[in-house]
Amino acid sequence: MSYSRNEIVLLPIPFTDLSSRKVRPAVVIGHSRHPGDLFVAPITSQLQNAAVPLQDWSAAGLNVPCGIKSQIATIEDRLVVKSVGKLTTRDQAAMDSALCDWLRLR
């Protein structure tokens, strides 16, 4: 299946000690040159850990107030459990600005 930029997906995220994993949301931020790989940023409901609070979290298909963490991961698209929504234009702009800061593109 093909996933687009700014789409909110659910995927299994391993615990830091790798003892288990839990299905969590992430936002697709791009596609790798390697077919089937996606760049994603995890979404958290722990707002103190979020770099980009989502203003329109409900419209994006999320159940509780959330934000995007300042982390980027590469995952195989086959790991995606399902798509739940898409960032609004307002939240897309906030994420794009944060990505430029994180990657020092400006």
PDB file of N, CA and C in Angstrom:
ATOM      1  N   MET A   1       0.842  -1.181   0.000  1.00  0.00           N
ATOM      2  CA  MET A   1       0.000   0.000   0.000  1.00  0.00           C
ATOM      3  C   MET A   1       0.885   1.240   0.000  1.00  0.00           C
ATOM      4  N   SER A   2       0.390   2.301  -0.578  1.00  0.00           N
ATOM      5  CA  SER A   2       1.148   3.541  -0.670  1.00  0.00           C
ATOM      6  C   SER A   2       0.627   4.544   0.360  1.00  0.00           C
ATOM      7  N   TYR A   3       1.544   5.170   1.068  1.00  0.00           N
ATOM      8  CA  TYR A   3       1.191   6.162   2.085  1.00  0.00           C
ATOM      9  C   TYR A   3       1.740   7.509   1.650  1.00  0.00           C
ATOM     10  N   SER A   4       0.974   8.560   1.921  1.00  0.00           N
ATOM     11  CA  SER A   4       1.378   9.886   1.468  1.00  0.00           C
ATOM     12  C   SER A   4       1.920  10.725   2.620  1.00  0.00           C
ATOM     13  N   ARG A   5       2.642  11.761   2.234  1.00  0.00           N
ATOM     14  CA  ARG A   5       3.202  12.690   3.219  1.00  0.00           C
ATOM     15  C   ARG A   5       2.064  13.279   4.044  1.00  0.00           C
ATOM     16  N   ASN A   6       2.296  13.443   5.337  1.00  0.00           N
ATOM     17  CA  ASN A   6       1.342  13.999   6.297  1.00  0.00           C
ATOM     18  C   ASN A   6       0.242  13.035   6.710  1.00  0.00           C
ATOM     19  N   GLU A   7       0.296  11.802   6.229  1.00  0.00           N
ATOM     20  CA  GLU A   7      -0.681  10.794   6.634  1.00  0.00           C
ATOM     21  C   GLU A   7      -0.319  10.266   8.027  1.00  0.00           C
ATOM     22  N   ILE A   8      -1.331  10.059   8.853  1.00  0.00           N
ATOM     23  CA  ILE A   8      -1.130   9.490  10.182  1.00  0.00           C
ATOM     24  C   ILE A   8      -1.346   7.983  10.073  1.00  0.00           C
ATOM     25  N   VAL A   9      -0.337   7.218  10.489  1.00  0.00           N
ATOM     26  CA  VAL A   9      -0.407   5.764  10.413  1.00  0.00           C
ATOM     27  C   VAL A   9      -0.154   5.155  11.787  1.00  0.00           C
ATOM     28  N   LEU A  10      -0.634   3.951  11.973  1.00  0.00           N
ATOM     29  CA  LEU A  10      -0.348   3.198  13.188  1.00  0.00           C
ATOM     30  C   LEU A  10       0.672   2.126  12.846  1.00  0.00           C
ATOM     31  N   LEU A  11       1.693   1.990  13.701  1.00  0.00           N
ATOM     32  CA  LEU A  11       2.717   0.977  13.474  1.00  0.00           C
ATOM     33  C   LEU A  11       3.285   0.512  14.806  1.00  0.00           C
ATOM     34  N   PRO A  12       3.831  -0.710  14.839  1.00  0.00           N
ATOM     35  CA  PRO A  12       4.405  -1.208  16.093  1.00  0.00           C
ATOM     36  C   PRO A  12       5.719  -0.501  16.392  1.00  0.00           C
ATOM     37  N   ILE A  13       5.812   0.073  17.594  1.00  0.00           N
ATOM     38  CA  ILE A  13       7.014   0.777  18.037  1.00  0.00           C
ATOM     39  C   ILE A  13       7.637  -0.053  19.157  1.00  0.00           C
ATOM     40  N   PRO A  14       8.919  -0.413  19.029  1.00  0.00           N
ATOM     41  CA  PRO A  14       9.556  -1.194  20.100  1.00  0.00           C
ATOM     42  C   PRO A  14       9.827  -0.340  21.330  1.00  0.00           C
ATOM     43  N   PHE A  15       9.762  -0.971  22.509  1.00  0.00           N
ATOM     44  CA  PHE A  15      10.179  -0.313  23.738  1.00  0.00           C
ATOM     45  C   PHE A  15      11.689  -0.086  23.652  1.00  0.00           C
ATOM     46  N   THR A  16      12.197   0.878  24.395  1.00  0.00           N
ATOM     47  CA  THR A  16      13.620   1.202  24.311  1.00  0.00           C
ATOM     48  C   THR A  16      14.507   0.023  24.709  1.00  0.00           C
ATOM     49  N   ASP A  17      14.017  -0.867  25.579  1.00  0.00           N
ATOM     50  CA  ASP A  17      14.827  -2.028  25.959  1.00  0.00           C
ATOM     51  C   ASP A  17      14.604  -3.218  25.018  1.00  0.00           C
ATOM     52  N   LEU A  18      13.777  -3.008  23.967  1.00  0.00           N
ATOM     53  CA  LEU A  18      13.467  -4.006  22.944  1.00  0.00           C
ATOM     54  C   LEU A  18      12.771  -5.254  23.490  1.00  0.00           C
ATOM     55  N   SER A  19      12.204  -5.157  24.703  1.00  0.00           N
ATOM     56  CA  SER A  19      11.541  -6.303  25.302  1.00  0.00           C
ATOM     57  C   SER A  19      10.173  -6.577  24.683  1.00  0.00           C
ATOM     58  N   SER A  20       9.568  -5.572  24.092  1.00  0.00           N
ATOM     59  CA  SER A  20       8.243  -5.722  23.508  1.00  0.00           C
ATOM     60  C   SER A  20       7.998  -4.536  22.586  1.00  0.00           C
ATOM     61  N   ARG A  21       6.791  -4.441  22.065  1.00  0.00           N
ATOM     62  CA  ARG A  21       6.423  -3.296  21.238  1.00  0.00           C
ATOM     63  C   ARG A  21       4.941  -3.024  21.385  1.00  0.00           C
ATOM     64  N   LYS A  22       4.547  -1.804  21.016  1.00  0.00           N
ATOM     65  CA  LYS A  22       3.160  -1.389  21.117  1.00  0.00           C
ATOM     66  C   LYS A  22       2.804  -0.597  19.874  1.00  0.00           C
ATOM     67  N   VAL A  23       1.583  -0.739  19.404  1.00  0.00           N
ATOM     68  CA  VAL A  23       1.142  -0.005  18.217  1.00  0.00           C
ATOM     69  C   VAL A  23       0.905   1.449  18.607  1.00  0.00           C
ATOM     70  N   ARG A  24       1.569   2.343  17.885  1.00  0.00           N
ATOM     71  CA  ARG A  24       1.526   3.780  18.164  1.00  0.00           C
ATOM     72  C   ARG A  24       1.361   4.558  16.855  1.00  0.00           C
ATOM     73  N   PRO A  25       0.870   5.804  16.940  1.00  0.00           N
ATOM     74  CA  PRO A  25       0.746   6.614  15.728  1.00  0.00           C
ATOM     75  C   PRO A  25       2.067   7.295  15.354  1.00  0.00           C
ATOM     76  N   ALA A  26       2.187   7.572  14.074  1.00  0.00           N
ATOM     77  CA  ALA A  26       3.319   8.324  13.533  1.00  0.00           C
ATOM     78  C   ALA A  26       2.823   9.068  12.301  1.00  0.00           C
ATOM     79  N   VAL A  27       3.531  10.121  11.939  1.00  0.00           N
ATOM     80  CA  VAL A  27       3.180  10.869  10.736  1.00  0.00           C
ATOM     81  C   VAL A  27       4.228  10.581   9.668  1.00  0.00           C
ATOM     82  N   VAL A  28       3.761  10.318   8.447  1.00  0.00           N
ATOM     83  CA  VAL A  28       4.667  10.079   7.317  1.00  0.00           C
ATOM     84  C   VAL A  28       5.244  11.419   6.886  1.00  0.00           C
ATOM     85  N   ILE A  29       6.579  11.498   6.880  1.00  0.00           N
ATOM     86  CA  ILE A  29       7.210  12.754   6.456  1.00  0.00           C
ATOM     87  C   ILE A  29       7.909  12.624   5.113  1.00  0.00           C
ATOM     88  N   GLY A  30       7.983  11.398   4.580  1.00  0.00           N
ATOM     89  CA  GLY A  30       8.582  11.237   3.264  1.00  0.00           C
ATOM     90  C   GLY A  30       8.816   9.789   2.912  1.00  0.00           C
ATOM     91  N   HIS A  31       9.315   9.606   1.707  1.00  0.00           N
ATOM     92  CA  HIS A  31       9.629   8.282   1.176  1.00  0.00           C
ATOM     93  C   HIS A  31      11.127   8.181   0.916  1.00  0.00           C
ATOM     94  N   SER A  32      11.677   7.042   1.225  1.00  0.00           N
ATOM     95  CA  SER A  32      13.087   6.783   0.952  1.00  0.00           C
ATOM     96  C   SER A  32      13.260   6.474  -0.532  1.00  0.00           C
ATOM     97  N   ARG A  33      14.490   6.558  -0.993  1.00  0.00           N
ATOM     98  CA  ARG A  33      14.786   6.122  -2.362  1.00  0.00           C
ATOM     99  C   ARG A  33      14.701   4.606  -2.467  1.00  0.00           C
ATOM    100  N   HIS A  34      14.784   3.943  -1.313  1.00  0.00           N
ATOM    101  CA  HIS A  34      14.640   2.488  -1.281  1.00  0.00           C
ATOM    102  C   HIS A  34      13.150   2.164  -1.306  1.00  0.00           C
ATOM    103  N   PRO A  35      12.680   1.461  -2.320  1.00  0.00           N
ATOM    104  CA  PRO A  35      11.242   1.171  -2.427  1.00  0.00           C
ATOM    105  C   PRO A  35      10.706   0.491  -1.161  1.00  0.00           C
ATOM    106  N   GLY A  36       9.575   1.000  -0.686  1.00  0.00           N
ATOM    107  CA  GLY A  36       8.921   0.403   0.464  1.00  0.00           C
ATOM    108  C   GLY A  36       9.317   0.991   1.800  1.00  0.00           C
ATOM    109  N   ASP A  37      10.276   1.908   1.824  1.00  0.00           N
ATOM    110  CA  ASP A  37      10.688   2.537   3.082  1.00  0.00           C
ATOM    111  C   ASP A  37      10.050   3.916   3.228  1.00  0.00           C
ATOM    112  N   LEU A  38       9.603   4.206   4.447  1.00  0.00           N
ATOM    113  CA  LEU A  38       9.006   5.499   4.771  1.00  0.00           C
ATOM    114  C   LEU A  38       9.807   6.180   5.860  1.00  0.00           C
ATOM    115  N   PHE A  39       9.865   7.508   5.808  1.00  0.00           N
ATOM    116  CA  PHE A  39      10.390   8.289   6.915  1.00  0.00           C
ATOM    117  C   PHE A  39       9.180   8.721   7.739  1.00  0.00           C
ATOM    118  N   VAL A  40       9.234   8.484   9.040  1.00  0.00           N
ATOM    119  CA  VAL A  40       8.122   8.844   9.915  1.00  0.00           C
ATOM    120  C   VAL A  40       8.643   9.570  11.151  1.00  0.00           C
ATOM    121  N   ALA A  41       7.750  10.332  11.771  1.00  0.00           N
ATOM    122  CA  ALA A  41       8.022  10.958  13.066  1.00  0.00           C
ATOM    123  C   ALA A  41       6.942  10.462  14.019  1.00  0.00           C
ATOM    124  N   PRO A  42       7.342   9.962  15.181  1.00  0.00           N
ATOM    125  CA  PRO A  42       6.343   9.433  16.125  1.00  0.00           C
ATOM    126  C   PRO A  42       5.468  10.534  16.723  1.00  0.00           C
ATOM    127  N   ILE A  43       4.265  10.135  17.068  1.00  0.00           N
ATOM    128  CA  ILE A  43       3.301  11.018  17.711  1.00  0.00           C
ATOM    129  C   ILE A  43       3.113  10.539  19.143  1.00  0.00           C
ATOM    130  N   THR A  44       3.045  11.482  20.072  1.00  0.00           N
ATOM    131  CA  THR A  44       2.892  11.145  21.485  1.00  0.00           C
ATOM    132  C   THR A  44       1.732  11.912  22.105  1.00  0.00           C
ATOM    133  N   SER A  45       1.105  11.280  23.083  1.00  0.00           N
ATOM    134  CA  SER A  45       0.069  11.978  23.863  1.00  0.00           C
ATOM    135  C   SER A  45       0.693  12.652  25.086  1.00  0.00           C
ATOM    136  N   GLN A  46       1.971  12.391  25.315  1.00  0.00           N
ATOM    137  CA  GLN A  46       2.705  13.039  26.409  1.00  0.00           C
ATOM    138  C   GLN A  46       3.195  14.393  25.873  1.00  0.00           C
ATOM    139  N   LEU A  47       2.350  15.404  26.007  1.00  0.00           N
ATOM    140  CA  LEU A  47       2.627  16.690  25.360  1.00  0.00           C
ATOM    141  C   LEU A  47       3.935  17.328  25.804  1.00  0.00           C
ATOM    142  N   GLN A  48       4.411  17.003  27.002  1.00  0.00           N
ATOM    143  CA  GLN A  48       5.702  17.547  27.446  1.00  0.00           C
ATOM    144  C   GLN A  48       6.853  16.971  26.610  1.00  0.00           C
ATOM    145  N   ASN A  49       6.623  15.857  25.906  1.00  0.00           N
ATOM    146  CA  ASN A  49       7.642  15.236  25.059  1.00  0.00           C
ATOM    147  C   ASN A  49       7.468  15.582  23.580  1.00  0.00           C
ATOM    148  N   ALA A  50       6.493  16.418  23.278  1.00  0.00           N
ATOM    149  CA  ALA A  50       6.189  16.760  21.882  1.00  0.00           C
ATOM    150  C   ALA A  50       6.871  18.061  21.483  1.00  0.00           C
ATOM    151  N   ALA A  51       7.486  18.043  20.322  1.00  0.00           N
ATOM    152  CA  ALA A  51       8.109  19.256  19.779  1.00  0.00           C
ATOM    153  C   ALA A  51       7.088  20.101  19.018  1.00  0.00           C
ATOM    154  N   VAL A  52       6.079  19.428  18.447  1.00  0.00           N
ATOM    155  CA  VAL A  52       5.056  20.117  17.661  1.00  0.00           C
ATOM    156  C   VAL A  52       3.681  19.688  18.169  1.00  0.00           C
ATOM    157  N   PRO A  53       3.065  20.476  19.049  1.00  0.00           N
ATOM    158  CA  PRO A  53       1.708  20.131  19.493  1.00  0.00           C
ATOM    159  C   PRO A  53       0.743  20.220  18.308  1.00  0.00           C
ATOM    160  N   LEU A  54      -0.113  19.242  18.164  1.00  0.00           N
ATOM    161  CA  LEU A  54      -1.083  19.253  17.066  1.00  0.00           C
ATOM    162  C   LEU A  54      -2.318  20.033  17.487  1.00  0.00           C
ATOM    163  N   GLN A  55      -2.643  21.051  16.721  1.00  0.00           N
ATOM    164  CA  GLN A  55      -3.819  21.883  17.007  1.00  0.00           C
ATOM    165  C   GLN A  55      -5.105  21.153  16.621  1.00  0.00           C
ATOM    166  N   ASP A  56      -5.035  20.383  15.547  1.00  0.00           N
ATOM    167  CA  ASP A  56      -6.224  19.724  14.999  1.00  0.00           C
ATOM    168  C   ASP A  56      -6.106  18.210  15.107  1.00  0.00           C
ATOM    169  N   TRP A  57      -5.744  17.728  16.288  1.00  0.00           N
ATOM    170  CA  TRP A  57      -5.502  16.298  16.487  1.00  0.00           C
ATOM    171  C   TRP A  57      -6.734  15.455  16.191  1.00  0.00           C
ATOM    172  N   SER A  58      -7.906  15.924  16.549  1.00  0.00           N
ATOM    173  CA  SER A  58      -9.132  15.150  16.308  1.00  0.00           C
ATOM    174  C   SER A  58      -9.419  15.027  14.809  1.00  0.00           C
ATOM    175  N   ALA A  59      -9.234  16.117  14.075  1.00  0.00           N
ATOM    176  CA  ALA A  59      -9.453  16.102  12.629  1.00  0.00           C
ATOM    177  C   ALA A  59      -8.458  15.186  11.924  1.00  0.00           C
ATOM    178  N   ALA A  60      -7.309  14.938  12.571  1.00  0.00           N
ATOM    179  CA  ALA A  60      -6.282  14.057  11.997  1.00  0.00           C
ATOM    180  C   ALA A  60      -6.560  12.584  12.303  1.00  0.00           C
ATOM    181  N   GLY A  61      -7.639  12.292  13.026  1.00  0.00           N
ATOM    182  CA  GLY A  61      -7.992  10.914  13.320  1.00  0.00           C
ATOM    183  C   GLY A  61      -7.435  10.394  14.635  1.00  0.00           C
ATOM    184  N   LEU A  62      -6.932  11.288  15.480  1.00  0.00           N
ATOM    185  CA  LEU A  62      -6.360  10.876  16.761  1.00  0.00           C
ATOM    186  C   LEU A  62      -7.403  11.028  17.871  1.00  0.00           C
ATOM    187  N   ASN A  63      -7.297  10.212  18.913  1.00  0.00           N
ATOM    188  CA  ASN A  63      -8.318  10.153  19.962  1.00  0.00           C
ATOM    189  C   ASN A  63      -8.116  11.144  21.109  1.00  0.00           C
ATOM    190  N   VAL A  64      -6.892  11.580  21.313  1.00  0.00           N
ATOM    191  CA  VAL A  64      -6.566  12.465  22.435  1.00  0.00           C
ATOM    192  C   VAL A  64      -5.602  13.546  21.952  1.00  0.00           C
ATOM    193  N   PRO A  65      -5.461  14.650  22.695  1.00  0.00           N
ATOM    194  CA  PRO A  65      -4.470  15.661  22.306  1.00  0.00           C
ATOM    195  C   PRO A  65      -3.082  15.032  22.183  1.00  0.00           C
ATOM    196  N   CYS A  66      -2.395  15.371  21.109  1.00  0.00           N
ATOM    197  CA  CYS A  66      -1.100  14.762  20.799  1.00  0.00           C
ATOM    198  C   CYS A  66      -0.165  15.791  20.198  1.00  0.00           C
ATOM    199  N   GLY A  67       1.071  15.365  20.045  1.00  0.00           N
ATOM    200  CA  GLY A  67       2.075  16.169  19.368  1.00  0.00           C
ATOM    201  C   GLY A  67       3.091  15.275  18.692  1.00  0.00           C
ATOM    202  N   ILE A  68       3.863  15.879  17.818  1.00  0.00           N
ATOM    203  CA  ILE A  68       4.891  15.156  17.069  1.00  0.00           C
ATOM    204  C   ILE A  68       6.209  15.271  17.822  1.00  0.00           C
ATOM    205  N   LYS A  69       6.868  14.134  18.000  1.00  0.00           N
ATOM    206  CA  LYS A  69       8.172  14.126  18.670  1.00  0.00           C
ATOM    207  C   LYS A  69       9.262  14.521  17.686  1.00  0.00           C
ATOM    208  N   SER A  70      10.358  15.064  18.188  1.00  0.00           N
ATOM    209  CA  SER A  70      11.468  15.487  17.320  1.00  0.00           C
ATOM    210  C   SER A  70      12.394  14.302  17.053  1.00  0.00           C
ATOM    211  N   GLN A  71      11.818  13.268  16.453  1.00  0.00           N
ATOM    212  CA  GLN A  71      12.560  12.074  16.072  1.00  0.00           C
ATOM    213  C   GLN A  71      12.141  11.694  14.662  1.00  0.00           C
ATOM    214  N   ILE A  72      13.065  11.115  13.932  1.00  0.00           N
ATOM    215  CA  ILE A  72      12.764  10.629  12.587  1.00  0.00           C
ATOM    216  C   ILE A  72      13.241   9.187  12.508  1.00  0.00           C
ATOM    217  N   ALA A  73      12.390   8.329  11.960  1.00  0.00           N
ATOM    218  CA  ALA A  73      12.740   6.917  11.814  1.00  0.00           C
ATOM    219  C   ALA A  73      12.445   6.485  10.380  1.00  0.00           C
ATOM    220  N   THR A  74      13.150   5.465   9.939  1.00  0.00           N
ATOM    221  CA  THR A  74      12.868   4.832   8.660  1.00  0.00           C
ATOM    222  C   THR A  74      12.236   3.484   8.956  1.00  0.00           C
ATOM    223  N   ILE A  75      11.085   3.242   8.358  1.00  0.00           N
ATOM    224  CA  ILE A  75      10.393   1.969   8.574  1.00  0.00           C
ATOM    225  C   ILE A  75       9.963   1.394   7.223  1.00  0.00           C
ATOM    226  N   GLU A  76       9.767   0.098   7.194  1.00  0.00           N
ATOM    227  CA  GLU A  76       9.215  -0.544   6.002  1.00  0.00           C
ATOM    228  C   GLU A  76       7.711  -0.329   6.006  1.00  0.00           C
ATOM    229  N   ASP A  77       7.163   0.064   4.861  1.00  0.00           N
ATOM    230  CA  ASP A  77       5.725   0.354   4.828  1.00  0.00           C
ATOM    231  C   ASP A  77       4.873  -0.869   5.151  1.00  0.00           C
ATOM    232  N   ARG A  78       5.425  -2.066   5.021  1.00  0.00           N
ATOM    233  CA  ARG A  78       4.661  -3.275   5.351  1.00  0.00           C
ATOM    234  C   ARG A  78       4.377  -3.379   6.846  1.00  0.00           C
ATOM    235  N   LEU A  79       5.087  -2.596   7.684  1.00  0.00           N
ATOM    236  CA  LEU A  79       4.871  -2.607   9.122  1.00  0.00           C
ATOM    237  C   LEU A  79       3.657  -1.777   9.543  1.00  0.00           C
ATOM    238  N   VAL A  80       3.162  -0.937   8.645  1.00  0.00           N
ATOM    239  CA  VAL A  80       2.015  -0.089   8.969  1.00  0.00           C
ATOM    240  C   VAL A  80       0.785  -0.974   9.174  1.00  0.00           C
ATOM    241  N   VAL A  81       0.136  -0.787  10.312  1.00  0.00           N
ATOM    242  CA  VAL A  81      -1.077  -1.541  10.633  1.00  0.00           C
ATOM    243  C   VAL A  81      -2.263  -0.954   9.879  1.00  0.00           C
ATOM    244  N   LYS A  82      -2.401   0.380   9.931  1.00  0.00           N
ATOM    245  CA  LYS A  82      -3.451   1.059   9.176  1.00  0.00           C
ATOM    246  C   LYS A  82      -3.223   2.561   9.192  1.00  0.00           C
ATOM    247  N   SER A  83      -3.931   3.234   8.307  1.00  0.00           N
ATOM    248  CA  SER A  83      -3.928   4.695   8.251  1.00  0.00           C
ATOM    249  C   SER A  83      -5.140   5.182   9.034  1.00  0.00           C
ATOM    250  N   VAL A  84      -4.951   6.268   9.817  1.00  0.00           N
ATOM    251  CA  VAL A  84      -6.076   6.777  10.608  1.00  0.00           C
ATOM    252  C   VAL A  84      -6.506   8.179  10.214  1.00  0.00           C
ATOM    253  N   GLY A  85      -5.708   8.866   9.415  1.00  0.00           N
ATOM    254  CA  GLY A  85      -6.071  10.222   9.031  1.00  0.00           C
ATOM    255  C   GLY A  85      -4.910  10.965   8.417  1.00  0.00           C
ATOM    256  N   LYS A  86      -5.036  12.274   8.411  1.00  0.00           N
ATOM    257  CA  LYS A  86      -4.023  13.136   7.792  1.00  0.00           C
ATOM    258  C   LYS A  86      -3.963  14.450   8.547  1.00  0.00           C
ATOM    259  N   LEU A  87      -2.761  15.016   8.643  1.00  0.00           N
ATOM    260  CA  LEU A  87      -2.603  16.327   9.283  1.00  0.00           C
ATOM    261  C   LEU A  87      -3.375  17.386   8.512  1.00  0.00           C
ATOM    262  N   THR A  88      -3.910  18.362   9.236  1.00  0.00           N
ATOM    263  CA  THR A  88      -4.550  19.495   8.580  1.00  0.00           C
ATOM    264  C   THR A  88      -3.470  20.408   8.011  1.00  0.00           C
ATOM    265  N   THR A  89      -3.873  21.324   7.180  1.00  0.00           N
ATOM    266  CA  THR A  89      -2.934  22.274   6.581  1.00  0.00           C
ATOM    267  C   THR A  89      -2.177  23.049   7.656  1.00  0.00           C
ATOM    268  N   ARG A  90      -2.859  23.455   8.699  1.00  0.00           N
ATOM    269  CA  ARG A  90      -2.233  24.204   9.794  1.00  0.00           C
ATOM    270  C   ARG A  90      -1.156  23.367  10.484  1.00  0.00           C
ATOM    271  N   ASP A  91      -1.460  22.108  10.797  1.00  0.00           N
ATOM    272  CA  ASP A  91      -0.480  21.256  11.452  1.00  0.00           C
ATOM    273  C   ASP A  91       0.644  20.835  10.495  1.00  0.00           C
ATOM    274  N   GLN A  92       0.332  20.703   9.206  1.00  0.00           N
ATOM    275  CA  GLN A  92       1.375  20.418   8.216  1.00  0.00           C
ATOM    276  C   GLN A  92       2.406  21.541   8.203  1.00  0.00           C
ATOM    277  N   ALA A  93       1.944  22.785   8.217  1.00  0.00           N
ATOM    278  CA  ALA A  93       2.853  23.932   8.195  1.00  0.00           C
ATOM    279  C   ALA A  93       3.743  23.943   9.435  1.00  0.00           C
ATOM    280  N   ALA A  94       3.171  23.628  10.594  1.00  0.00           N
ATOM    281  CA  ALA A  94       3.954  23.592  11.838  1.00  0.00           C
ATOM    282  C   ALA A  94       4.999  22.480  11.772  1.00  0.00           C
ATOM    283  N   MET A  95       4.609  21.311  11.240  1.00  0.00           N
ATOM    284  CA  MET A  95       5.561  20.213  11.128  1.00  0.00           C
ATOM    285  C   MET A  95       6.673  20.544  10.133  1.00  0.00           C
ATOM    286  N   ASP A  96       6.320  21.124   9.006  1.00  0.00           N
ATOM    287  CA  ASP A  96       7.328  21.495   8.008  1.00  0.00           C
ATOM    288  C   ASP A  96       8.347  22.466   8.584  1.00  0.00           C
ATOM    289  N   SER A  97       7.867  23.438   9.339  1.00  0.00           N
ATOM    290  CA  SER A  97       8.768  24.403   9.973  1.00  0.00           C
ATOM    291  C   SER A  97       9.693  23.698  10.963  1.00  0.00           C
ATOM    292  N   ALA A  98       9.142  22.798  11.762  1.00  0.00           N
ATOM    293  CA  ALA A  98       9.954  22.060  12.735  1.00  0.00           C
ATOM    294  C   ALA A  98      10.994  21.178  12.030  1.00  0.00           C
ATOM    295  N   LEU A  99      10.594  20.516  10.944  1.00  0.00           N
ATOM    296  CA  LEU A  99      11.554  19.686  10.206  1.00  0.00           C
ATOM    297  C   LEU A  99      12.717  20.506   9.693  1.00  0.00           C
ATOM    298  N   CYS A 100      12.442  21.691   9.198  1.00  0.00           N
ATOM    299  CA  CYS A 100      13.527  22.569   8.724  1.00  0.00           C
ATOM    300  C   CYS A 100      14.462  22.912   9.873  1.00  0.00           C
ATOM    301  N   ASP A 101      13.917  23.154  11.052  1.00  0.00           N
ATOM    302  CA  ASP A 101      14.747  23.453  12.216  1.00  0.00           C
ATOM    303  C   ASP A 101      15.571  22.224  12.628  1.00  0.00           C
ATOM    304  N   TRP A 102      14.915  21.054  12.737  1.00  0.00           N
ATOM    305  CA  TRP A 102      15.596  19.836  13.181  1.00  0.00           C
ATOM    306  C   TRP A 102      16.741  19.467  12.247  1.00  0.00           C
ATOM    307  N   LEU A 103      16.492  19.634  10.943  1.00  0.00           N
ATOM    308  CA  LEU A 103      17.492  19.233   9.944  1.00  0.00           C
ATOM    309  C   LEU A 103      18.410  20.389   9.547  1.00  0.00           C
ATOM    310  N   ARG A 104      18.204  21.532  10.191  1.00  0.00           N
ATOM    311  CA  ARG A 104      19.008  22.750   9.950  1.00  0.00           C
ATOM    312  C   ARG A 104      19.054  23.113   8.476  1.00  0.00           C
ATOM    313  N   LEU A 105      17.848  23.173   7.880  1.00  0.00           N
ATOM    314  CA  LEU A 105      17.723  23.500   6.454  1.00  0.00           C
ATOM    315  C   LEU A 105      17.554  24.993   6.222  1.00  0.00           C
ATOM    316  N   ARG A 106      17.554  25.755   7.299  1.00  0.00           N
ATOM    317  CA  ARG A 106      17.482  27.219   7.125  1.00  0.00           C
ATOM    318  C   ARG A 106      18.392  27.885   8.087  1.00  0.00           C
TER     319      ARG A 106
END
